[in-house]
Amino acid sequence: MIEQSKFVGCFKALAIADACGACFEGGLLERALWYFVGKTSDGKQRYTDDTQMSIDVATSFLVSQMFNQSHLAETFGASYHWSRGYGPSAAKLLKGIQSGKDYTTLNKAKFKEGSKGNGAAMRAPVVALCNLAGQRSLLEDITKTAEITHAHPEAIEGAFLIARATQLALIGVDKVGIMQTLCSESNLSIYKQKLVICYNALIKNKVLEPSTVKCQLGNGMLSSESVVTALYFAFMYRDKPLTQMVEETCLLGGDTDTICAMAGGIWGAYNGDATLNCFDQQIEGLERVSAIAQDLYHCYASQ
């Protein structure tokens, strides 16, 4: 039986890392904008769309007791607000859903095969909290939750890799075992090559320079340019404080909030929430996140 603290730790660490990484994301314009919108009225650091859509995934699952794509799409649309930092393509899609359009008419409107972005991967740790049944069932749920906004095979596989790593971390598989599993279950060469680089660094316990990580693994908004980077940081800093992992990740620049969020979810799945209470007065919404994680745990424990 997995401990409740791991469910709470996974979701809380995702939200904490997301909020802490947000002020380092992008270029000068993005950082300047977040300077003005990145705090709540009571001075807490706000989370971004990464956490909001993770909350949406969990709440929709709890209502439906499954992943109902229509309900989840409506939940995504209802929660959308520009100030959370949604990407332009996702914003347009979600505003379309808000206006009553079907997501199936929107998710490939801009990109013929769907978006390659990491928007599905950023919420993938929470999909793992909803499904601990195994690889095949998890892939089905990842596909359902991903293709609403990110239907491209690269986006779906990236989300699966993050969710699968989280699933295995929850049951205590060590980092080498997880990386071996991901290498064997990955189907796309764009990930396989980077997974091997990550695996080699981890088995040698070799800390890569930020410039090397950017060059070999990536720090961008595409799933293929951020997912394996998140895996690297989650596993390399598994036994370090969450703040150290976030600080090292933010040295990369680029899509810092999402890379931090993905890595944070895996870190929390390993470490639980025992060291995270100190963030409750610093980060927006952690009480709600904790309550949702507990509800997901009760669903798991009652099976």
Protein backbone atom coordinates (compact mmCIF):
# COMPACT_ATOMS: atom_id res chain seq x y z
CA MET A 1 0.00 0.00 0.00
CA ILE A 2 1.38 3.39 -1.00
CA GLU A 3 1.40 5.99 1.77
CA GLN A 4 -0.94 8.98 1.58
CA SER A 5 2.04 11.28 2.12
CA LYS A 6 3.37 10.30 -1.31
CA PHE A 7 0.15 11.34 -3.01
CA VAL A 8 0.18 14.66 -1.18
CA GLY A 9 3.92 15.10 -1.73
CA CYS A 10 3.61 14.48 -5.45
CA PHE A 11 0.87 17.06 -5.97
CA LYS A 12 2.29 19.63 -3.53
CA ALA A 13 5.83 19.41 -4.89
CA LEU A 14 4.47 19.86 -8.43
CA ALA A 15 2.65 23.04 -7.37
CA ILE A 16 5.55 24.38 -5.29
CA ALA A 17 8.11 23.78 -8.01
CA ASP A 18 5.80 25.29 -10.62
CA ALA A 19 5.27 28.48 -8.61
CA CYS A 20 8.94 28.80 -7.69
CA GLY A 21 10.07 28.25 -11.27
CA ALA A 22 7.58 30.66 -12.85
CA CYS A 23 9.55 33.86 -12.22
CA PHE A 24 12.54 32.44 -14.13
CA GLU A 25 10.60 31.40 -17.23
CA GLY A 26 11.22 32.82 -20.67
CA GLY A 27 12.79 36.13 -21.60
CA LEU A 28 12.63 39.63 -20.19
CA LEU A 29 9.03 40.29 -21.28
CA GLU A 30 7.69 37.08 -19.75
CA ARG A 31 9.55 37.67 -16.51
CA ALA A 32 8.40 41.28 -16.34
CA LEU A 33 4.77 40.23 -16.80
CA TRP A 34 5.06 37.57 -14.10
CA TYR A 35 6.55 40.18 -11.77
CA PHE A 36 3.19 41.99 -11.89
CA VAL A 37 0.82 38.99 -11.85
CA GLY A 38 2.87 36.41 -9.98
CA LYS A 39 1.71 37.21 -6.44
CA THR A 40 -1.68 36.84 -4.77
CA SER A 41 -3.26 39.71 -2.87
CA ASP A 42 -1.88 38.27 0.37
CA GLY A 43 1.64 37.97 -1.00
CA LYS A 44 1.86 34.28 -1.88
CA GLN A 45 3.56 33.06 -5.04
CA ARG A 46 0.97 32.11 -7.65
CA TYR A 47 1.01 28.83 -9.49
CA THR A 48 0.72 28.72 -13.28
CA ASP A 49 -1.36 26.80 -15.80
CA ASP A 50 0.76 23.73 -14.97
CA THR A 51 -0.82 23.41 -11.54
CA GLN A 52 -4.23 24.69 -12.63
CA MET A 53 -4.57 22.03 -15.32
CA SER A 54 -3.31 19.40 -12.88
CA ILE A 55 -6.07 20.45 -10.50
CA ASP A 56 -8.52 20.23 -13.41
CA VAL A 57 -7.39 16.68 -14.22
CA ALA A 58 -7.84 15.57 -10.62
CA THR A 59 -11.19 17.25 -10.00
CA SER A 60 -12.65 15.96 -13.27
CA PHE A 61 -11.48 12.44 -12.42
CA LEU A 62 -12.99 12.63 -8.95
CA VAL A 63 -16.34 13.73 -10.37
CA SER A 64 -16.46 11.14 -13.16
CA GLN A 65 -14.47 8.38 -11.42
CA MET A 66 -12.74 7.97 -14.78
CA PHE A 67 -11.28 10.19 -17.49
CA ASN A 68 -14.27 11.52 -19.42
CA GLN A 69 -12.76 13.63 -22.19
CA SER A 70 -15.77 15.87 -22.69
CA HIS A 71 -16.02 16.64 -18.99
CA LEU A 72 -12.27 17.22 -18.70
CA ALA A 73 -12.28 19.52 -21.71
CA GLU A 74 -15.11 21.55 -20.17
CA THR A 75 -13.19 21.69 -16.88
CA PHE A 76 -10.07 22.94 -18.66
CA GLY A 77 -12.13 25.60 -20.42
CA ALA A 78 -13.96 26.75 -17.30
CA SER A 79 -10.69 27.20 -15.40
CA TYR A 80 -8.86 29.11 -18.12
CA HIS A 81 -7.60 32.59 -17.28
CA TRP A 82 -4.87 34.36 -19.20
CA SER A 83 -2.94 35.35 -16.06
CA ARG A 84 -1.95 31.74 -15.36
CA GLY A 85 0.52 31.89 -18.23
CA TYR A 86 -1.09 29.56 -20.75
CA GLY A 87 0.73 29.27 -24.08
CA PRO A 88 -0.87 31.04 -27.08
CA SER A 89 -2.11 27.86 -28.75
CA ALA A 90 -3.57 26.42 -25.57
CA ALA A 91 -5.19 29.76 -24.74
CA LYS A 92 -6.91 29.91 -28.12
CA LEU A 93 -8.13 26.33 -27.78
CA LEU A 94 -9.46 26.83 -24.25
CA LYS A 95 -11.20 30.06 -25.15
CA GLY A 96 -12.85 28.13 -27.95
CA ILE A 97 -14.06 25.52 -25.48
CA GLN A 98 -15.33 28.32 -23.23
CA SER A 99 -17.37 29.62 -26.16
CA GLY A 100 -19.04 26.23 -26.60
CA LYS A 101 -16.94 24.63 -29.33
CA ASP A 102 -15.99 20.94 -29.21
CA TYR A 103 -12.34 20.30 -28.43
CA THR A 104 -12.16 17.78 -31.31
CA THR A 105 -12.64 20.65 -33.76
CA LEU A 106 -9.90 22.71 -32.07
CA ASN A 107 -7.06 20.42 -31.02
CA LYS A 108 -5.65 20.06 -34.55
CA ALA A 109 -6.76 23.40 -35.94
CA LYS A 110 -3.29 24.98 -35.79
CA PHE A 111 -1.10 21.88 -36.05
CA LYS A 112 -2.17 19.09 -38.43
CA GLU A 113 -1.06 16.32 -36.06
CA GLY A 114 -1.71 18.28 -32.89
CA SER A 115 0.57 20.28 -30.61
CA LYS A 116 4.03 18.92 -29.71
CA GLY A 117 4.15 21.08 -26.57
CA ASN A 118 4.69 19.88 -23.00
CA GLY A 119 1.26 20.93 -21.76
CA ALA A 120 0.12 17.32 -21.37
CA ALA A 121 3.34 16.26 -19.67
CA MET A 122 3.13 19.01 -17.07
CA ARG A 123 -0.07 17.51 -15.67
CA ALA A 124 0.98 13.89 -16.16
CA PRO A 125 2.10 13.25 -12.54
CA VAL A 126 -1.51 13.71 -11.43
CA VAL A 127 -2.72 11.25 -14.07
CA ALA A 128 -0.39 8.73 -12.40
CA LEU A 129 -2.06 9.45 -9.04
CA CYS A 130 -5.35 8.52 -10.68
CA ASN A 131 -4.05 5.30 -12.22
CA LEU A 132 -1.66 2.87 -10.57
CA ALA A 133 -2.91 -0.15 -12.53
CA GLY A 134 0.10 -0.53 -14.83
CA GLN A 135 1.68 0.53 -18.11
CA ARG A 136 -1.09 -0.22 -20.62
CA SER A 137 -3.92 1.31 -18.60
CA LEU A 138 -1.79 4.36 -17.80
CA LEU A 139 -1.02 4.92 -21.50
CA GLU A 140 -4.74 4.83 -22.29
CA ASP A 141 -5.49 7.46 -19.64
CA ILE A 142 -2.55 9.62 -20.68
CA THR A 143 -3.80 9.56 -24.26
CA LYS A 144 -7.28 10.60 -23.14
CA THR A 145 -6.02 13.50 -21.02
CA ALA A 146 -3.35 14.62 -23.48
CA GLU A 147 -5.13 14.70 -26.80
CA ILE A 148 -7.65 17.32 -25.69
CA THR A 149 -4.91 19.94 -25.98
CA HIS A 150 -1.78 18.09 -27.19
CA ALA A 151 -2.65 15.37 -29.68
CA HIS A 152 0.73 14.90 -31.37
CA PRO A 153 2.39 11.51 -30.70
CA GLU A 154 5.48 13.27 -29.32
CA ALA A 155 3.37 15.14 -26.78
CA ILE A 156 1.53 11.97 -25.77
CA GLU A 157 4.71 9.93 -25.36
CA GLY A 158 6.35 12.71 -23.35
CA ALA A 159 3.36 12.81 -21.02
CA PHE A 160 3.45 9.04 -20.71
CA LEU A 161 7.15 9.07 -19.74
CA ILE A 162 6.50 11.55 -16.92
CA ALA A 163 3.42 9.68 -15.72
CA ARG A 164 5.14 6.30 -15.87
CA ALA A 165 8.14 7.63 -13.93
CA THR A 166 5.76 9.01 -11.30
CA GLN A 167 3.82 5.75 -11.12
CA LEU A 168 7.02 3.76 -10.54
CA ALA A 169 8.40 6.31 -8.06
CA LEU A 170 5.22 5.98 -6.00
CA ILE A 171 5.83 2.26 -5.55
CA GLY A 172 9.50 2.81 -4.73
CA VAL A 173 11.33 1.68 -7.87
CA ASP A 174 14.86 3.13 -7.86
CA LYS A 175 15.97 5.64 -10.49
CA VAL A 176 18.02 3.12 -12.47
CA GLY A 177 15.09 0.73 -12.64
CA ILE A 178 12.77 3.51 -13.77
CA MET A 179 15.16 4.72 -16.46
CA GLN A 180 15.62 1.18 -17.75
CA THR A 181 11.84 0.81 -17.93
CA LEU A 182 11.40 4.11 -19.75
CA CYS A 183 14.13 3.25 -22.24
CA SER A 184 12.41 -0.04 -23.04
CA GLU A 185 8.89 1.42 -23.23
CA SER A 186 9.72 4.53 -25.28
CA ASN A 187 8.74 4.24 -28.94
CA LEU A 188 10.12 7.44 -30.45
CA SER A 189 13.78 7.95 -31.30
CA ILE A 190 13.66 11.60 -30.26
CA TYR A 191 13.13 10.39 -26.68
CA LYS A 192 15.18 7.21 -26.79
CA GLN A 193 18.39 9.11 -27.58
CA LYS A 194 17.89 11.56 -24.73
CA LEU A 195 16.84 8.84 -22.28
CA VAL A 196 20.16 7.09 -22.90
CA ILE A 197 22.07 10.31 -22.19
CA CYS A 198 20.09 10.79 -18.99
CA TYR A 199 20.54 7.16 -17.95
CA ASN A 200 24.30 7.32 -18.44
CA ALA A 201 24.57 10.49 -16.36
CA LEU A 202 22.50 8.98 -13.55
CA ILE A 203 24.35 5.67 -13.28
CA LYS A 204 27.63 7.58 -13.14
CA ASN A 205 26.08 10.11 -10.72
CA LYS A 206 27.45 12.77 -13.06
CA VAL A 207 26.02 16.25 -12.57
CA LEU A 208 25.75 17.87 -15.98
CA GLU A 209 26.55 21.52 -16.56
CA PRO A 210 23.49 23.65 -17.43
CA SER A 211 24.90 24.30 -20.90
CA THR A 212 25.22 20.54 -21.46
CA VAL A 213 21.67 19.89 -20.28
CA LYS A 214 20.33 22.59 -22.61
CA CYS A 215 22.32 21.25 -25.56
CA GLN A 216 21.71 17.53 -25.07
CA LEU A 217 18.33 17.34 -23.34
CA GLY A 218 16.72 20.75 -23.90
CA ASN A 219 14.94 23.47 -21.94
CA GLY A 220 12.15 24.43 -24.33
CA MET A 221 8.37 24.27 -24.48
CA LEU A 222 8.22 21.22 -26.72
CA SER A 223 7.70 17.95 -24.92
CA SER A 224 10.79 16.50 -26.57
CA GLU A 225 12.84 19.45 -25.30
CA SER A 226 11.80 19.29 -21.66
CA VAL A 227 10.52 15.88 -20.52
CA VAL A 228 13.86 14.07 -20.27
CA THR A 229 15.35 17.19 -18.70
CA ALA A 230 12.73 16.95 -15.97
CA LEU A 231 13.51 13.27 -15.47
CA TYR A 232 17.19 14.08 -15.11
CA PHE A 233 16.60 16.69 -12.40
CA ALA A 234 13.99 14.60 -10.56
CA PHE A 235 16.34 11.64 -10.25
CA MET A 236 19.64 13.49 -9.83
CA TYR A 237 18.22 15.55 -6.94
CA ARG A 238 15.88 12.93 -5.51
CA ASP A 239 17.73 12.88 -2.17
CA LYS A 240 18.26 16.66 -2.03
CA PRO A 241 15.83 19.34 -0.80
CA LEU A 242 13.15 20.33 -3.30
CA THR A 243 14.47 23.90 -3.25
CA GLN A 244 17.89 22.74 -4.45
CA MET A 245 16.36 20.84 -7.34
CA VAL A 246 14.33 23.89 -8.34
CA GLU A 247 17.32 26.23 -8.08
CA GLU A 248 19.47 24.01 -10.26
CA THR A 249 16.68 23.61 -12.81
CA CYS A 250 16.10 27.34 -13.03
CA LEU A 251 19.73 27.91 -14.00
CA LEU A 252 18.74 26.52 -17.41
CA GLY A 253 16.32 29.31 -18.20
CA GLY A 254 13.71 28.51 -20.82
CA ASP A 255 10.50 26.75 -19.73
CA THR A 256 11.52 26.63 -16.08
CA ASP A 257 8.09 26.40 -14.47
CA THR A 258 7.02 23.35 -16.47
CA ILE A 259 10.33 21.51 -16.15
CA CYS A 260 10.25 22.22 -12.41
CA ALA A 261 6.63 21.05 -12.15
CA MET A 262 7.27 17.75 -13.92
CA ALA A 263 10.41 17.09 -11.88
CA GLY A 264 8.65 18.20 -8.69
CA GLY A 265 5.84 15.69 -9.15
CA ILE A 266 8.32 12.82 -9.42
CA TRP A 267 10.42 14.15 -6.52
CA GLY A 268 7.31 14.32 -4.33
CA ALA A 269 6.22 10.81 -5.34
CA TYR A 270 9.49 9.58 -3.88
CA ASN A 271 9.81 11.82 -0.83
CA GLY A 272 6.27 12.52 0.32
CA ASP A 273 5.16 15.75 1.97
CA ALA A 274 7.07 15.61 5.27
CA THR A 275 9.38 18.49 4.37
CA LEU A 276 6.86 20.60 2.45
CA ASN A 277 4.70 22.16 5.17
CA CYS A 278 7.00 25.17 5.33
CA PHE A 279 5.70 26.23 1.91
CA ASP A 280 2.03 26.43 2.97
CA GLN A 281 2.24 30.16 3.71
CA GLN A 282 4.43 30.89 0.70
CA ILE A 283 2.66 29.24 -2.23
CA GLU A 284 -0.91 29.76 -3.38
CA GLY A 285 -3.46 26.98 -3.03
CA LEU A 286 -1.48 24.28 -1.27
CA GLU A 287 -4.30 23.52 1.17
CA ARG A 288 -6.60 22.80 -1.77
CA VAL A 289 -3.95 20.79 -3.58
CA SER A 290 -3.37 18.69 -0.45
CA ALA A 291 -7.10 18.04 -0.03
CA ILE A 292 -7.46 16.92 -3.64
CA ALA A 293 -4.44 14.64 -3.30
CA GLN A 294 -6.01 13.09 -0.20
CA ASP A 295 -9.23 12.49 -2.13
CA LEU A 296 -7.24 10.75 -4.88
CA TYR A 297 -5.54 8.64 -2.24
CA HIS A 298 -8.89 7.56 -0.80
CA CYS A 299 -9.98 6.46 -4.29
CA TYR A 300 -6.80 4.40 -4.59
CA ALA A 301 -7.06 2.94 -1.06
CA SER A 302 -10.68 1.91 -1.53
CA GLN A 303 -9.97 -0.21 -4.62
